[in-house]
Protein backbone atom coordinates (compact mmCIF):
# COMPACT_ATOMS: atom_id res chain seq x y z
CA MET A 1 -26.95 -70.99 -113.96
CA GLY A 2 -24.30 -69.78 -111.99
CA ILE A 3 -21.95 -73.28 -112.41
CA VAL A 4 -22.53 -74.56 -115.18
CA ALA A 5 -23.82 -78.16 -116.54
CA SER A 6 -20.63 -78.52 -118.61
CA LEU A 7 -18.04 -77.81 -115.68
CA LEU A 8 -19.88 -80.39 -113.88
CA ARG A 9 -19.34 -82.81 -116.30
CA ARG A 10 -15.79 -82.08 -116.39
CA TYR A 11 -15.35 -82.60 -112.76
CA ALA A 12 -17.55 -85.72 -112.98
CA ALA A 13 -14.52 -87.16 -115.79
CA VAL A 14 -11.65 -86.36 -113.29
CA SER A 15 -13.12 -87.14 -109.71
CA PRO A 16 -14.31 -90.90 -109.13
CA ASP A 17 -16.17 -90.00 -105.73
CA TYR A 18 -18.53 -86.94 -107.69
CA GLU A 19 -22.14 -87.23 -107.01
CA PRO A 20 -24.29 -85.07 -109.19
CA ILE A 21 -26.36 -82.69 -108.07
CA ARG A 22 -30.09 -83.05 -107.36
CA ARG A 23 -32.28 -80.58 -108.87
CA CYS A 24 -35.92 -80.37 -107.50
CA ASN A 25 -37.45 -79.17 -110.95
CA GLU A 26 -36.04 -77.64 -113.92
CA GLN A 27 -35.77 -73.97 -112.59
CA ALA A 28 -34.44 -74.71 -109.40
CA GLU A 29 -30.60 -73.85 -108.93
CA GLU A 30 -28.67 -75.81 -105.92
CA TYR A 31 -25.53 -73.68 -105.46
CA LYS A 32 -22.20 -75.91 -105.32
CA VAL A 33 -19.04 -74.73 -105.29
CA MET A 34 -17.39 -76.06 -108.30
CA PHE A 35 -13.77 -77.69 -108.64
CA PHE A 36 -12.44 -76.85 -111.87
CA GLU A 37 -9.85 -79.16 -113.05
CA GLU A 38 -7.49 -76.45 -112.58
CA GLU A 39 -7.58 -77.23 -108.53
CA ARG A 40 -4.16 -79.30 -108.91
CA LEU A 41 -2.50 -75.81 -109.85
CA GLY A 42 -1.05 -73.95 -106.85
CA PRO A 43 -2.58 -70.69 -105.39
CA ALA A 44 -1.08 -68.14 -108.13
CA ALA A 45 -2.32 -70.12 -111.19
CA LEU A 46 -5.93 -70.13 -109.51
CA GLU A 47 -5.76 -66.27 -108.68
CA ALA A 48 -4.78 -65.91 -112.16
CA ARG A 49 -7.96 -67.63 -113.40
CA GLY A 50 -9.89 -65.75 -110.95
CA ASP A 51 -8.35 -62.73 -112.50
CA ARG A 52 -9.09 -63.74 -116.17
CA CYS A 53 -12.87 -64.29 -114.87
CA MET A 54 -13.71 -61.25 -113.37
CA ALA A 55 -11.95 -59.68 -116.26
CA SER A 56 -14.42 -61.25 -118.61
CA GLY A 57 -17.25 -60.14 -116.64
CA ARG A 58 -16.42 -56.52 -116.69
CA ARG A 59 -15.83 -56.47 -120.79
CA ARG A 60 -18.99 -57.78 -121.90
CA GLN A 61 -21.88 -55.35 -122.25
CA ARG A 62 -25.36 -54.92 -121.88
CA TRP A 63 -27.12 -57.85 -120.07
CA ASN A 64 -25.95 -61.52 -120.18
CA PHE A 65 -26.03 -64.70 -117.97
CA ALA A 66 -22.52 -65.11 -119.02
CA ILE A 67 -21.29 -62.06 -117.21
CA SER A 68 -22.86 -63.60 -113.82
CA ASN A 69 -21.30 -66.50 -114.25
CA ASP A 70 -17.77 -64.97 -115.12
CA TYR A 71 -17.98 -63.11 -111.23
CA GLU A 72 -19.44 -66.35 -109.97
CA ASP A 73 -16.44 -68.61 -111.75
CA ALA A 74 -13.97 -65.93 -110.35
CA ALA A 75 -15.27 -66.36 -107.05
CA CYS A 76 -14.91 -69.94 -107.08
CA ALA A 77 -10.93 -70.17 -108.08
CA TYR A 78 -10.23 -67.39 -105.59
CA ILE A 79 -12.08 -69.66 -103.11
CA LEU A 80 -9.95 -72.22 -104.20
CA ALA A 81 -6.82 -70.10 -103.97
CA GLU A 82 -7.67 -69.14 -100.44
CA ASN A 83 -8.14 -65.83 -101.17
CA TRP A 84 -11.50 -65.15 -99.54
CA ARG A 85 -11.08 -61.22 -99.88
CA LYS A 86 -10.73 -61.56 -103.55
CA ALA A 87 -14.05 -64.30 -103.39
CA ALA A 88 -15.80 -61.54 -101.24
CA LEU A 89 -15.75 -58.91 -103.71
CA ALA A 90 -16.12 -60.97 -107.09
CA PHE A 91 -19.29 -61.51 -105.28
CA SER A 92 -20.25 -58.24 -103.74
CA GLU A 93 -19.56 -57.13 -107.85
CA GLN A 94 -21.93 -60.11 -109.10
CA ALA A 95 -24.56 -58.51 -106.64
CA VAL A 96 -24.22 -55.23 -107.95
CA TYR A 97 -24.17 -56.21 -111.64
CA GLU A 98 -27.71 -58.67 -111.10
CA GLN A 99 -29.28 -55.03 -109.35
CA GLN A 100 -29.45 -53.28 -112.28
CA PHE A 101 -31.78 -55.36 -113.51
CA GLY A 102 -34.59 -54.50 -110.80
CA ASP A 103 -37.14 -57.46 -109.76
CA GLU A 104 -36.54 -59.91 -112.10
CA ARG A 105 -32.27 -61.08 -110.53
CA GLU A 106 -32.97 -59.40 -107.15
CA LEU A 107 -32.84 -62.65 -105.78
CA ASN A 108 -29.74 -63.48 -107.16
CA ALA A 109 -28.17 -60.36 -106.19
CA ALA A 110 -29.20 -61.20 -102.43
CA SER A 111 -27.51 -64.37 -102.53
CA ALA A 112 -24.27 -62.93 -103.89
CA LEU A 113 -24.30 -60.69 -100.85
CA LEU A 114 -24.88 -63.53 -98.78
CA ARG A 115 -22.32 -65.78 -100.11
CA SER A 116 -19.70 -62.37 -99.88
CA ALA A 117 -20.11 -62.02 -96.53
CA LYS A 118 -19.78 -65.16 -95.93
CA CYS A 119 -16.58 -65.00 -97.79
CA TYR A 120 -15.53 -61.99 -95.35
CA ALA A 121 -16.34 -64.07 -92.47
CA GLN A 122 -12.95 -66.42 -94.10
CA ILE A 123 -10.59 -63.62 -93.70
CA GLU A 124 -7.94 -64.62 -90.84
CA GLU A 125 -6.30 -61.29 -91.24
CA LYS A 126 -8.43 -58.36 -92.00
CA ASP A 127 -8.45 -54.73 -91.59
CA GLU A 128 -11.56 -55.05 -89.08
CA GLY A 129 -13.38 -51.39 -89.81
CA GLU A 130 -13.18 -52.07 -93.69
CA VAL A 131 -14.31 -55.91 -93.58
CA ALA A 132 -16.53 -55.28 -90.65
CA ALA A 133 -18.73 -52.35 -92.58
CA ALA A 134 -18.63 -54.34 -95.61
CA THR A 135 -19.94 -57.38 -94.14
CA LYS A 136 -22.40 -55.90 -92.29
CA GLN A 137 -23.65 -54.17 -95.15
CA ALA A 138 -23.95 -57.18 -97.37
CA LEU A 139 -25.81 -58.84 -94.90
CA GLU A 140 -28.36 -55.85 -94.44
CA LYS A 141 -28.50 -55.38 -98.36
CA ALA A 142 -29.13 -58.99 -98.43
CA ILE A 143 -31.97 -59.19 -95.98
CA ALA A 144 -33.82 -56.33 -97.23
CA LEU A 145 -33.72 -58.23 -100.87
CA PHE A 146 -34.51 -61.80 -99.37
CA VAL A 147 -38.05 -60.07 -97.35
CA LYS A 148 -38.63 -57.80 -100.31
CA LYS A 149 -39.26 -61.07 -102.85
CA ASN A 150 -41.04 -63.26 -99.77
CA ASP A 151 -37.88 -65.73 -99.24
CA LEU A 152 -37.98 -65.74 -95.59
CA HIS A 153 -36.17 -68.71 -95.58
CA LEU A 154 -32.98 -67.02 -96.85
CA ALA A 155 -33.94 -63.88 -94.87
CA ALA A 156 -33.60 -65.94 -91.60
CA ILE A 157 -30.21 -67.35 -92.94
CA SER A 158 -28.96 -63.69 -93.16
CA CYS A 159 -30.22 -62.58 -89.96
CA VAL A 160 -28.51 -65.68 -87.87
CA GLU A 161 -25.24 -64.51 -89.89
CA LEU A 162 -25.84 -61.03 -89.27
CA ALA A 163 -26.66 -61.63 -85.40
CA GLN A 164 -23.19 -64.06 -85.08
CA PHE A 165 -21.23 -60.62 -86.96
CA TYR A 166 -22.63 -58.58 -83.62
CA MET A 167 -21.77 -61.38 -81.39
CA GLU A 168 -18.47 -61.07 -82.74
CA HIS A 169 -18.38 -57.27 -82.41
CA GLN A 170 -19.76 -57.63 -78.89
CA GLN A 171 -22.66 -55.58 -79.84
CA LEU A 172 -25.28 -57.56 -77.83
CA GLN A 173 -28.54 -55.79 -78.21
CA ASN A 174 -28.14 -55.80 -82.00
CA ALA A 175 -27.18 -59.64 -81.71
CA MET A 176 -30.48 -60.38 -79.79
CA ASP A 177 -32.46 -57.88 -82.23
CA SER A 178 -31.43 -60.34 -85.15
CA TYR A 179 -31.99 -63.26 -83.84
CA GLN A 180 -35.97 -62.05 -82.82
CA GLN A 181 -35.90 -61.13 -86.55
CA ALA A 182 -34.95 -64.65 -87.54
CA ALA A 183 -37.28 -66.37 -85.24
CA GLU A 184 -39.73 -64.38 -86.99
CA TYR A 185 -38.86 -65.39 -90.37
CA TYR A 186 -38.36 -68.98 -89.05
CA SER A 187 -41.84 -69.25 -88.21
CA ALA A 188 -42.87 -72.30 -90.24
CA ASP A 189 -39.39 -74.01 -89.31
CA ARG A 190 -40.48 -74.88 -85.49
CA ARG A 191 -36.56 -76.53 -85.08
CA CYS A 192 -34.85 -73.31 -86.54
CA ASN A 193 -37.44 -70.80 -84.63
CA ARG A 194 -36.64 -72.67 -81.32
CA TYR A 195 -33.14 -71.97 -81.55
CA CYS A 196 -32.90 -68.62 -82.51
CA ARG A 197 -35.47 -67.88 -79.55
CA PHE A 198 -33.65 -69.40 -77.00
CA LYS A 199 -30.92 -67.10 -78.19
CA VAL A 200 -33.09 -64.08 -77.54
CA ASN A 201 -33.60 -65.29 -74.13
CA LEU A 202 -29.98 -66.24 -73.38
CA LEU A 203 -28.98 -62.65 -74.60
CA ARG A 204 -31.76 -61.30 -72.59
CA PHE A 205 -30.72 -62.67 -69.64
CA ARG A 206 -26.89 -61.95 -70.31
CA LEU A 207 -28.03 -57.96 -70.87
CA ALA A 208 -30.01 -57.87 -67.91
CA ASN A 209 -27.39 -59.58 -65.37
CA GLU A 210 -24.01 -58.36 -67.24
CA GLU A 211 -22.52 -56.89 -64.32
CA MET A 212 -23.42 -59.62 -61.64
CA LEU A 213 -22.35 -62.63 -63.95
CA ARG A 214 -18.85 -60.91 -64.67
CA ALA A 215 -18.52 -59.95 -60.65
CA LYS A 216 -18.64 -64.21 -60.11
CA GLY A 217 -16.35 -64.62 -63.05
CA VAL A 218 -18.81 -66.67 -65.16
CA LEU A 219 -18.95 -64.33 -68.25
CA LEU A 220 -15.59 -63.01 -69.72
CA PRO A 221 -14.85 -60.36 -71.87
CA GLU A 222 -14.16 -62.64 -74.67
CA ASP A 223 -17.02 -64.87 -74.20
CA TYR A 224 -18.96 -63.00 -76.94
CA LYS A 225 -17.08 -63.48 -79.73
CA ARG A 226 -16.93 -65.74 -82.16
CA ARG A 227 -14.39 -68.64 -80.53
CA PHE A 228 -15.75 -71.25 -82.33
CA GLN A 229 -15.46 -69.82 -86.17
CA VAL A 230 -13.42 -72.66 -88.17
CA TYR A 231 -11.43 -71.20 -91.10
CA ILE A 232 -11.28 -73.09 -94.00
CA LYS A 233 -8.32 -74.94 -95.37
CA SER A 234 -7.41 -76.66 -98.41
CA SER A 235 -5.10 -78.73 -96.13
CA ASP A 236 -8.02 -80.07 -94.13
CA PRO A 237 -8.90 -83.47 -95.63
CA ASP A 238 -12.55 -82.57 -95.64
CA TRP A 239 -12.24 -79.29 -97.07
CA ARG A 240 -14.36 -79.43 -100.02
CA ALA A 241 -17.23 -80.56 -97.77
CA GLN A 242 -16.28 -77.76 -95.80
CA VAL A 243 -17.01 -75.28 -98.37
CA ARG A 244 -20.00 -76.90 -99.54
CA ASN A 245 -21.74 -76.27 -96.35
CA LEU A 246 -20.42 -73.00 -96.08
CA PHE A 247 -22.62 -72.12 -99.08
CA SER A 248 -25.18 -74.75 -99.13
CA SER A 249 -27.35 -72.24 -97.11
CA THR A 250 -27.09 -69.40 -99.97
CA SER A 251 -29.15 -71.44 -103.19
CA ILE A 252 -32.16 -69.48 -104.51
CA THR A 253 -34.35 -72.75 -104.07
CA GLN A 254 -36.74 -71.18 -106.73
CA ILE A 255 -36.09 -68.62 -109.10
CA ARG A 256 -38.82 -66.01 -109.60
CA MET A 257 -38.73 -64.65 -113.23
């Protein structure tokens, strides 16, 4: 398991508002960002913890659950330190490690890639070329793996993330195609399917009438950017809930062995 039960119990002992994770069955994995006891430390100490976890994962040999746990724990520490770049790289390294073992761990790798992309999106000061390429690659790989493993729900979530990425970079045709693909994967979820089809129709209208809309001042050049991107800050009173919400849609609901 990514966030081990012992850490959860440790946190329960120090937090009066802790609520235990509900599990569907013995094999279900619900991803929660763990708030270590070290959360009371400053960013530098948390980042140092992440570095130690990364070093521990890299030192271990062969296949071991603990290696994947090390990378995930490192990512959590980096998130607490608000170093989203290092968190993204930790999840990316976790995905590379998981993929070494073929079909058995591909869902875990896909989930780590999706989490990596979500971390990249939280980087405020970024080299657009480098981060954009890493985000796009992570999402495309995640989609391919989720589809291969027939987890169409998470494939759809990844397609929506990719569509939002394309919107941010004003690649409207690609965004429309990604929303269309998400709608197909959401075939069993009527509400999400309708939302994605609405976005497809809206983008189709914009592409067909963009010149007219600009001439009338209805559509501004920056209109396509992700204007409502919320960057999570530890100073926010509900930042823990924001972090949980950010990653709640990346969980593998059923581990396929």
